């Protein structure tokens, strides 16, 4: 763990395509989220390219309960990478991002890593409001476990 990012990784014994299929579908993100903040997607299409935006319905006491986010896709490489910057709905991203990286080891084994990075957050008010990291390494590990469970049902 660095001071401005946390990561977790896990080998999941399924083809990379099956994992990417779930990760690229915002409708499945609440099922995967290990923090419990993601409640549902806001009827968003599958992620297919950089520049897309998908919206999520969230819940976190530190944000006053229910709220929405817009997630701006900044990285996309089919079966290899998905990355987005998160912002309160209708706002520009303040600097934190999520990066999912997939490495196929064989037809039925994939290394999956997820990184939560807040190194680009520079707004002093945001840094006062959000006690980074907003999620823990255990939450990321739980997300990977949830992903493994979700993909086993594909």
N, C-alpha and C. Protein backbone atom coordinates (compact mmCIF):
# COMPACT_ATOMS: atom_id res chain seq x y z
N UNK A 1 0.85 -1.19 0.00
CA UNK A 1 0.00 0.00 0.00
C UNK A 1 0.88 1.24 0.00
N UNK A 2 0.57 2.16 -0.89
CA UNK A 2 1.26 3.44 -0.87
C UNK A 2 0.41 4.39 -0.03
N UNK A 3 0.83 5.61 0.08
CA UNK A 3 0.05 6.57 0.85
C UNK A 3 -1.14 7.11 0.08
N UNK A 4 -1.19 6.88 -1.22
CA UNK A 4 -2.28 7.43 -2.02
C UNK A 4 -2.97 6.39 -2.89
N UNK A 5 -2.75 5.12 -2.63
CA UNK A 5 -3.48 4.08 -3.35
C UNK A 5 -3.42 2.78 -2.58
N UNK A 6 -4.40 1.93 -2.83
CA UNK A 6 -4.39 0.58 -2.29
C UNK A 6 -4.77 -0.37 -3.41
N UNK A 7 -4.27 -1.59 -3.33
CA UNK A 7 -4.54 -2.58 -4.37
C UNK A 7 -4.75 -3.94 -3.72
N UNK A 8 -5.42 -4.79 -4.47
CA UNK A 8 -5.56 -6.20 -4.09
C UNK A 8 -5.59 -7.00 -5.38
N UNK A 9 -5.13 -8.23 -5.30
CA UNK A 9 -5.18 -9.09 -6.49
C UNK A 9 -5.50 -10.52 -6.07
N UNK A 10 -5.97 -11.26 -7.06
CA UNK A 10 -6.40 -12.63 -6.82
C UNK A 10 -6.44 -13.37 -8.14
N UNK A 11 -6.09 -14.64 -8.11
CA UNK A 11 -6.26 -15.49 -9.28
C UNK A 11 -7.64 -16.12 -9.20
N UNK A 12 -8.38 -15.99 -10.29
CA UNK A 12 -9.72 -16.58 -10.38
C UNK A 12 -9.68 -17.60 -11.51
N UNK A 13 -10.11 -18.80 -11.22
CA UNK A 13 -9.99 -19.89 -12.19
C UNK A 13 -11.16 -19.94 -13.17
N UNK A 14 -11.25 -18.89 -13.95
CA UNK A 14 -12.21 -18.81 -15.06
C UNK A 14 -11.56 -18.02 -16.19
N UNK A 15 -12.08 -18.15 -17.40
CA UNK A 15 -11.52 -17.40 -18.52
C UNK A 15 -11.64 -15.88 -18.33
N UNK A 16 -10.65 -15.16 -18.82
CA UNK A 16 -10.61 -13.70 -18.71
C UNK A 16 -11.87 -13.07 -19.30
N UNK A 17 -12.40 -13.63 -20.38
CA UNK A 17 -13.58 -13.06 -21.04
C UNK A 17 -14.79 -13.05 -20.10
N UNK A 18 -14.93 -14.09 -19.29
CA UNK A 18 -16.07 -14.17 -18.37
C UNK A 18 -15.97 -13.09 -17.30
N UNK A 19 -14.77 -12.85 -16.81
CA UNK A 19 -14.57 -11.83 -15.79
C UNK A 19 -14.81 -10.44 -16.37
N UNK A 20 -14.25 -10.18 -17.54
CA UNK A 20 -14.43 -8.88 -18.18
C UNK A 20 -15.90 -8.61 -18.48
N UNK A 21 -16.62 -9.65 -18.86
CA UNK A 21 -18.05 -9.52 -19.17
C UNK A 21 -18.82 -8.99 -17.96
N UNK A 22 -18.47 -9.46 -16.77
CA UNK A 22 -19.14 -8.98 -15.56
C UNK A 22 -18.66 -7.58 -15.19
N UNK A 23 -17.35 -7.35 -15.21
CA UNK A 23 -16.82 -6.04 -14.82
C UNK A 23 -17.30 -4.92 -15.74
N UNK A 24 -17.48 -5.21 -17.01
CA UNK A 24 -17.88 -4.17 -17.96
C UNK A 24 -19.38 -3.90 -17.93
N UNK A 25 -20.11 -4.57 -17.06
CA UNK A 25 -21.55 -4.38 -16.93
C UNK A 25 -21.85 -3.68 -15.60
N UNK A 26 -22.09 -2.37 -15.61
CA UNK A 26 -22.36 -1.65 -14.37
C UNK A 26 -23.52 -2.23 -13.56
N UNK A 27 -24.43 -2.92 -14.22
CA UNK A 27 -25.54 -3.54 -13.51
C UNK A 27 -25.06 -4.56 -12.48
N UNK A 28 -23.85 -5.10 -12.66
CA UNK A 28 -23.30 -6.12 -11.75
C UNK A 28 -22.41 -5.53 -10.65
N UNK A 29 -22.14 -4.23 -10.69
CA UNK A 29 -21.19 -3.63 -9.75
C UNK A 29 -21.64 -3.69 -8.29
N UNK A 30 -22.94 -3.56 -8.02
CA UNK A 30 -23.41 -3.66 -6.63
C UNK A 30 -23.14 -5.06 -6.08
N UNK A 31 -23.29 -6.06 -6.92
CA UNK A 31 -23.04 -7.45 -6.53
C UNK A 31 -21.56 -7.67 -6.20
N UNK A 32 -20.69 -6.96 -6.87
CA UNK A 32 -19.25 -7.13 -6.72
C UNK A 32 -18.69 -6.30 -5.57
N UNK A 33 -19.23 -5.11 -5.34
CA UNK A 33 -18.68 -4.13 -4.40
C UNK A 33 -18.52 -4.70 -2.99
N UNK A 34 -17.30 -4.71 -2.50
CA UNK A 34 -17.02 -5.20 -1.16
C UNK A 34 -17.18 -4.17 -0.06
N UNK A 35 -17.40 -2.90 -0.43
CA UNK A 35 -17.54 -1.84 0.58
C UNK A 35 -18.98 -1.69 1.04
N UNK A 36 -19.93 -2.16 0.24
CA UNK A 36 -21.34 -1.99 0.56
C UNK A 36 -21.91 -0.64 0.15
N UNK A 37 -21.10 0.22 -0.48
CA UNK A 37 -21.58 1.54 -0.87
C UNK A 37 -22.40 1.51 -2.16
N UNK A 38 -22.02 0.67 -3.11
CA UNK A 38 -22.71 0.63 -4.40
C UNK A 38 -24.05 -0.09 -4.21
N UNK A 39 -25.13 0.60 -4.51
CA UNK A 39 -26.46 0.03 -4.34
C UNK A 39 -27.02 -0.54 -5.65
N UNK A 40 -26.86 0.21 -6.73
CA UNK A 40 -27.35 -0.24 -8.04
C UNK A 40 -26.82 0.71 -9.11
N UNK A 41 -26.90 0.23 -10.36
CA UNK A 41 -26.55 1.16 -11.43
C UNK A 41 -27.77 1.98 -11.78
N UNK A 42 -27.57 3.05 -12.51
CA UNK A 42 -28.67 3.94 -12.86
C UNK A 42 -29.02 3.73 -14.33
N UNK A 43 -29.26 2.46 -14.69
CA UNK A 43 -29.65 2.05 -16.05
C UNK A 43 -28.63 2.48 -17.08
N UNK A 44 -27.42 1.99 -16.87
CA UNK A 44 -26.30 2.36 -17.71
C UNK A 44 -25.97 1.24 -18.67
N UNK A 45 -25.51 1.60 -19.86
CA UNK A 45 -25.10 0.60 -20.84
C UNK A 45 -23.77 -0.04 -20.43
N UNK A 46 -23.48 -1.17 -21.05
CA UNK A 46 -22.20 -1.85 -20.85
C UNK A 46 -21.05 -0.91 -21.22
N UNK A 47 -19.96 -1.00 -20.49
CA UNK A 47 -18.77 -0.20 -20.77
C UNK A 47 -18.08 -0.79 -21.99
N UNK A 48 -17.86 0.07 -23.01
CA UNK A 48 -17.24 -0.41 -24.25
C UNK A 48 -16.10 0.45 -24.75
N UNK A 49 -15.88 1.63 -24.10
CA UNK A 49 -14.80 2.49 -24.60
C UNK A 49 -14.50 3.62 -23.62
N UNK A 50 -13.29 4.16 -23.76
CA UNK A 50 -12.89 5.34 -23.01
C UNK A 50 -13.81 6.49 -23.41
N UNK A 51 -14.15 7.33 -22.45
CA UNK A 51 -15.00 8.48 -22.71
C UNK A 51 -16.45 8.25 -22.29
N UNK A 52 -16.83 7.01 -22.08
CA UNK A 52 -18.20 6.74 -21.61
C UNK A 52 -18.35 7.21 -20.17
N UNK A 53 -19.60 7.35 -19.77
CA UNK A 53 -19.91 7.69 -18.39
C UNK A 53 -21.01 6.75 -17.94
N UNK A 54 -20.84 6.18 -16.73
CA UNK A 54 -21.92 5.37 -16.17
C UNK A 54 -22.23 5.89 -14.77
N UNK A 55 -23.49 5.77 -14.40
CA UNK A 55 -23.95 6.35 -13.14
C UNK A 55 -24.36 5.25 -12.17
N UNK A 56 -24.06 5.48 -10.90
CA UNK A 56 -24.37 4.51 -9.86
C UNK A 56 -25.16 5.16 -8.73
N UNK A 57 -26.06 4.38 -8.14
CA UNK A 57 -26.77 4.78 -6.93
C UNK A 57 -25.97 4.24 -5.74
N UNK A 58 -25.62 5.14 -4.83
CA UNK A 58 -24.70 4.82 -3.75
C UNK A 58 -25.35 5.09 -2.39
N UNK A 59 -24.71 4.56 -1.34
CA UNK A 59 -25.11 4.87 0.03
C UNK A 59 -23.86 4.85 0.90
N UNK A 60 -23.63 5.96 1.59
CA UNK A 60 -22.52 6.06 2.52
C UNK A 60 -22.87 7.13 3.54
N UNK A 61 -22.83 6.77 4.79
CA UNK A 61 -23.18 7.70 5.86
C UNK A 61 -22.39 8.99 5.81
N UNK A 62 -21.08 8.91 5.46
CA UNK A 62 -20.24 10.10 5.42
C UNK A 62 -20.65 11.06 4.30
N UNK A 63 -21.45 10.58 3.35
CA UNK A 63 -21.96 11.45 2.28
C UNK A 63 -23.43 11.80 2.53
N UNK A 64 -23.91 11.54 3.73
CA UNK A 64 -25.27 11.88 4.08
C UNK A 64 -26.30 10.84 3.70
N UNK A 65 -25.87 9.63 3.38
CA UNK A 65 -26.80 8.57 3.02
C UNK A 65 -26.77 8.27 1.54
N UNK A 66 -27.94 8.35 0.90
CA UNK A 66 -28.05 8.01 -0.52
C UNK A 66 -27.56 9.16 -1.40
N UNK A 67 -26.86 8.82 -2.46
CA UNK A 67 -26.39 9.80 -3.43
C UNK A 67 -26.09 9.07 -4.74
N UNK A 68 -25.77 9.82 -5.78
CA UNK A 68 -25.43 9.24 -7.09
C UNK A 68 -24.03 9.67 -7.49
N UNK A 69 -23.39 8.80 -8.27
CA UNK A 69 -22.09 9.15 -8.83
C UNK A 69 -22.12 9.01 -10.34
N UNK A 70 -21.29 9.79 -10.98
CA UNK A 70 -20.99 9.63 -12.40
C UNK A 70 -19.57 9.09 -12.47
N UNK A 71 -19.37 8.06 -13.25
CA UNK A 71 -18.07 7.42 -13.37
C UNK A 71 -17.59 7.59 -14.80
N UNK A 72 -16.47 8.27 -14.96
CA UNK A 72 -15.93 8.63 -16.26
C UNK A 72 -14.87 7.60 -16.66
N UNK A 73 -15.13 6.84 -17.72
CA UNK A 73 -14.21 5.78 -18.14
C UNK A 73 -12.95 6.40 -18.73
N UNK A 74 -11.80 6.07 -18.11
CA UNK A 74 -10.51 6.62 -18.53
C UNK A 74 -9.58 5.53 -19.08
N UNK A 75 -9.97 4.28 -18.94
CA UNK A 75 -9.15 3.19 -19.43
C UNK A 75 -10.02 2.04 -19.87
N UNK A 76 -9.78 1.54 -21.07
CA UNK A 76 -10.54 0.41 -21.58
C UNK A 76 -9.67 -0.36 -22.57
N UNK A 77 -9.45 -1.61 -22.27
CA UNK A 77 -8.81 -2.52 -23.20
C UNK A 77 -9.49 -3.87 -22.97
N UNK A 78 -10.27 -4.30 -23.94
CA UNK A 78 -11.09 -5.49 -23.78
C UNK A 78 -10.29 -6.66 -23.23
N UNK A 79 -10.86 -7.27 -22.19
CA UNK A 79 -10.29 -8.43 -21.50
C UNK A 79 -8.97 -8.14 -20.79
N UNK A 80 -8.62 -6.84 -20.63
CA UNK A 80 -7.36 -6.50 -19.96
C UNK A 80 -7.48 -5.38 -18.94
N UNK A 81 -8.28 -4.35 -19.25
CA UNK A 81 -8.27 -3.16 -18.40
C UNK A 81 -9.61 -2.43 -18.42
N UNK A 82 -10.06 -2.02 -17.24
CA UNK A 82 -11.18 -1.09 -17.07
C UNK A 82 -10.77 -0.09 -15.99
N UNK A 83 -10.93 1.18 -16.26
CA UNK A 83 -10.59 2.20 -15.26
C UNK A 83 -11.56 3.36 -15.40
N UNK A 84 -11.91 3.94 -14.24
CA UNK A 84 -12.79 5.11 -14.26
C UNK A 84 -12.48 6.01 -13.08
N UNK A 85 -12.82 7.30 -13.28
CA UNK A 85 -12.75 8.30 -12.22
C UNK A 85 -14.17 8.56 -11.76
N UNK A 86 -14.36 8.60 -10.46
CA UNK A 86 -15.68 8.78 -9.87
C UNK A 86 -15.88 10.22 -9.42
N UNK A 87 -17.12 10.71 -9.62
CA UNK A 87 -17.49 12.07 -9.21
C UNK A 87 -18.91 12.07 -8.68
N UNK A 88 -19.23 12.96 -7.77
CA UNK A 88 -20.63 13.16 -7.43
C UNK A 88 -21.40 13.51 -8.72
N UNK A 89 -22.62 13.01 -8.85
CA UNK A 89 -23.40 13.21 -10.07
C UNK A 89 -23.42 14.67 -10.48
N UNK A 90 -23.14 14.90 -11.77
CA UNK A 90 -23.17 16.24 -12.33
C UNK A 90 -21.91 17.06 -12.11
N UNK A 91 -20.91 16.48 -11.44
CA UNK A 91 -19.67 17.22 -11.17
C UNK A 91 -18.50 16.58 -11.92
N UNK A 92 -17.41 17.32 -11.99
CA UNK A 92 -16.18 16.78 -12.57
C UNK A 92 -15.49 15.90 -11.52
N UNK A 93 -14.81 14.85 -11.95
CA UNK A 93 -14.12 13.99 -10.98
C UNK A 93 -13.06 14.75 -10.18
N UNK A 94 -13.09 14.60 -8.84
CA UNK A 94 -12.11 15.29 -8.01
C UNK A 94 -10.75 14.60 -7.93
N UNK A 95 -10.61 13.42 -8.55
CA UNK A 95 -9.27 12.85 -8.64
C UNK A 95 -9.09 11.41 -8.24
N UNK A 96 -10.07 10.76 -7.63
CA UNK A 96 -9.84 9.36 -7.31
C UNK A 96 -10.31 8.47 -8.46
N UNK A 97 -9.66 7.32 -8.58
CA UNK A 97 -9.99 6.42 -9.69
C UNK A 97 -9.90 4.97 -9.25
N UNK A 98 -10.57 4.15 -10.04
CA UNK A 98 -10.61 2.70 -9.87
C UNK A 98 -10.01 2.07 -11.11
N UNK A 99 -9.11 1.13 -10.92
CA UNK A 99 -8.46 0.46 -12.05
C UNK A 99 -8.54 -1.05 -11.83
N UNK A 100 -9.14 -1.73 -12.79
CA UNK A 100 -9.21 -3.19 -12.80
C UNK A 100 -8.31 -3.68 -13.93
N UNK A 101 -7.36 -4.56 -13.58
CA UNK A 101 -6.45 -5.12 -14.57
C UNK A 101 -6.58 -6.64 -14.56
N UNK A 102 -6.65 -7.20 -15.76
CA UNK A 102 -6.82 -8.65 -15.92
C UNK A 102 -5.65 -9.20 -16.72
N UNK A 103 -5.08 -10.31 -16.23
CA UNK A 103 -4.00 -10.99 -16.93
C UNK A 103 -4.37 -12.45 -17.06
N UNK A 104 -4.57 -12.90 -18.27
CA UNK A 104 -4.92 -14.30 -18.51
C UNK A 104 -3.67 -15.16 -18.37
N UNK A 105 -3.73 -16.15 -17.48
CA UNK A 105 -2.61 -17.08 -17.30
C UNK A 105 -2.78 -18.33 -18.13
N UNK A 106 -4.02 -18.67 -18.42
CA UNK A 106 -4.35 -19.81 -19.27
C UNK A 106 -5.80 -19.65 -19.67
N UNK A 107 -6.33 -20.59 -20.41
CA UNK A 107 -7.72 -20.46 -20.85
C UNK A 107 -8.68 -20.31 -19.66
N UNK A 108 -8.34 -20.92 -18.54
CA UNK A 108 -9.27 -20.89 -17.41
C UNK A 108 -8.64 -20.39 -16.10
N UNK A 109 -7.71 -19.45 -16.21
CA UNK A 109 -7.11 -18.85 -15.03
C UNK A 109 -6.73 -17.40 -15.33
N UNK A 110 -7.21 -16.49 -14.48
CA UNK A 110 -7.00 -15.06 -14.70
C UNK A 110 -6.57 -14.39 -13.41
N UNK A 111 -5.50 -13.61 -13.49
CA UNK A 111 -5.08 -12.78 -12.37
C UNK A 111 -5.86 -11.46 -12.47
N UNK A 112 -6.55 -11.11 -11.41
CA UNK A 112 -7.36 -9.89 -11.38
C UNK A 112 -6.80 -8.98 -10.29
N UNK A 113 -6.53 -7.74 -10.63
CA UNK A 113 -6.12 -6.78 -9.61
C UNK A 113 -7.03 -5.55 -9.70
N UNK A 114 -7.30 -5.00 -8.54
CA UNK A 114 -8.09 -3.78 -8.45
C UNK A 114 -7.30 -2.78 -7.62
N UNK A 115 -7.23 -1.55 -8.13
CA UNK A 115 -6.52 -0.48 -7.44
C UNK A 115 -7.46 0.70 -7.25
N UNK A 116 -7.44 1.24 -6.05
CA UNK A 116 -8.16 2.45 -5.70
C UNK A 116 -7.08 3.51 -5.45
N UNK A 117 -7.06 4.53 -6.30
CA UNK A 117 -5.97 5.52 -6.29
C UNK A 117 -6.55 6.91 -6.11
N UNK A 118 -6.10 7.61 -5.10
CA UNK A 118 -6.56 8.98 -4.85
C UNK A 118 -5.40 9.97 -4.94
N UNK A 119 -4.33 9.60 -5.62
CA UNK A 119 -3.15 10.46 -5.70
C UNK A 119 -3.40 11.78 -6.44
N UNK A 120 -4.42 11.81 -7.30
CA UNK A 120 -4.68 13.04 -8.06
C UNK A 120 -5.64 13.99 -7.33
N UNK A 121 -6.08 13.64 -6.13
CA UNK A 121 -6.95 14.53 -5.36
C UNK A 121 -6.09 15.63 -4.75
N UNK A 122 -6.35 16.86 -5.16
CA UNK A 122 -5.57 18.00 -4.66
C UNK A 122 -6.43 19.06 -3.98
N UNK A 123 -7.73 19.02 -4.19
CA UNK A 123 -8.63 20.01 -3.60
C UNK A 123 -8.64 19.84 -2.08
N UNK A 124 -8.22 20.87 -1.37
CA UNK A 124 -8.10 20.80 0.08
C UNK A 124 -9.45 20.56 0.76
N UNK A 125 -10.53 21.09 0.18
CA UNK A 125 -11.86 20.86 0.76
C UNK A 125 -12.27 19.39 0.62
N UNK A 126 -11.98 18.79 -0.54
CA UNK A 126 -12.28 17.36 -0.73
C UNK A 126 -11.45 16.53 0.24
N UNK A 127 -10.19 16.89 0.39
CA UNK A 127 -9.32 16.15 1.31
C UNK A 127 -9.78 16.27 2.76
N UNK A 128 -10.41 17.40 3.11
CA UNK A 128 -10.98 17.55 4.45
C UNK A 128 -12.24 16.72 4.61
N UNK A 129 -13.07 16.70 3.54
CA UNK A 129 -14.37 16.04 3.61
C UNK A 129 -14.23 14.51 3.57
N UNK A 130 -13.35 14.00 2.73
CA UNK A 130 -13.21 12.55 2.55
C UNK A 130 -11.94 12.10 3.24
N UNK A 131 -12.08 11.19 4.16
CA UNK A 131 -10.94 10.63 4.86
C UNK A 131 -10.40 9.45 4.05
N UNK A 132 -9.41 9.74 3.21
CA UNK A 132 -8.87 8.71 2.33
C UNK A 132 -7.98 7.75 3.11
N UNK A 133 -8.04 6.48 2.77
CA UNK A 133 -8.89 5.87 1.75
C UNK A 133 -10.32 5.69 2.27
N UNK A 134 -11.28 5.92 1.38
CA UNK A 134 -12.69 5.77 1.73
C UNK A 134 -13.09 4.30 1.79
N UNK A 135 -12.32 3.44 1.18
CA UNK A 135 -12.51 1.99 1.29
C UNK A 135 -11.18 1.39 1.74
N UNK A 136 -11.24 0.19 2.27
CA UNK A 136 -10.04 -0.45 2.80
C UNK A 136 -9.52 -1.52 1.84
N UNK A 137 -8.31 -1.97 2.12
CA UNK A 137 -7.75 -3.08 1.35
C UNK A 137 -8.63 -4.32 1.52
N UNK A 138 -9.20 -4.50 2.71
CA UNK A 138 -10.12 -5.62 2.94
C UNK A 138 -11.36 -5.51 2.07
N UNK A 139 -11.85 -4.27 1.87
CA UNK A 139 -13.00 -4.07 0.96
C UNK A 139 -12.64 -4.49 -0.46
N UNK A 140 -11.42 -4.15 -0.90
CA UNK A 140 -10.98 -4.55 -2.24
C UNK A 140 -10.88 -6.07 -2.34
N UNK A 141 -10.33 -6.70 -1.30
CA UNK A 141 -10.23 -8.15 -1.30
C UNK A 141 -11.62 -8.79 -1.31
N UNK A 142 -12.54 -8.19 -0.59
CA UNK A 142 -13.92 -8.67 -0.59
C UNK A 142 -14.55 -8.52 -1.97
N UNK A 143 -14.24 -7.41 -2.65
CA UNK A 143 -14.74 -7.22 -4.03
C UNK A 143 -14.23 -8.33 -4.93
N UNK A 144 -12.96 -8.70 -4.79
CA UNK A 144 -12.42 -9.78 -5.60
C UNK A 144 -13.10 -11.11 -5.28
N UNK A 145 -13.38 -11.34 -4.02
CA UNK A 145 -14.12 -12.55 -3.63
C UNK A 145 -15.53 -12.55 -4.20
N UNK A 146 -16.19 -11.39 -4.16
CA UNK A 146 -17.53 -11.28 -4.73
C UNK A 146 -17.50 -11.49 -6.24
N UNK A 147 -16.46 -10.96 -6.90
CA UNK A 147 -16.31 -11.16 -8.34
C UNK A 147 -16.13 -12.64 -8.65
N UNK A 148 -15.28 -13.31 -7.87
CA UNK A 148 -15.07 -14.75 -8.09
C UNK A 148 -16.37 -15.52 -7.94
N UNK A 149 -17.17 -15.16 -6.94
CA UNK A 149 -18.47 -15.83 -6.74
C UNK A 149 -19.42 -15.52 -7.89
N UNK A 150 -19.43 -14.27 -8.34
CA UNK A 150 -20.33 -13.87 -9.43
C UNK A 150 -19.98 -14.57 -10.73
N UNK A 151 -18.69 -14.66 -11.02
CA UNK A 151 -18.26 -15.23 -12.29
C UNK A 151 -18.42 -16.75 -12.30
N UNK A 152 -18.43 -17.37 -11.14
CA UNK A 152 -18.62 -18.83 -11.10
C UNK A 152 -20.05 -19.19 -11.51
N UNK A 153 -20.96 -18.21 -11.42
CA UNK A 153 -22.34 -18.44 -11.82
C UNK A 153 -22.63 -18.09 -13.28
N UNK A 154 -21.58 -17.71 -14.05
CA UNK A 154 -21.77 -17.30 -15.47
C UNK A 154 -22.22 -18.48 -16.29
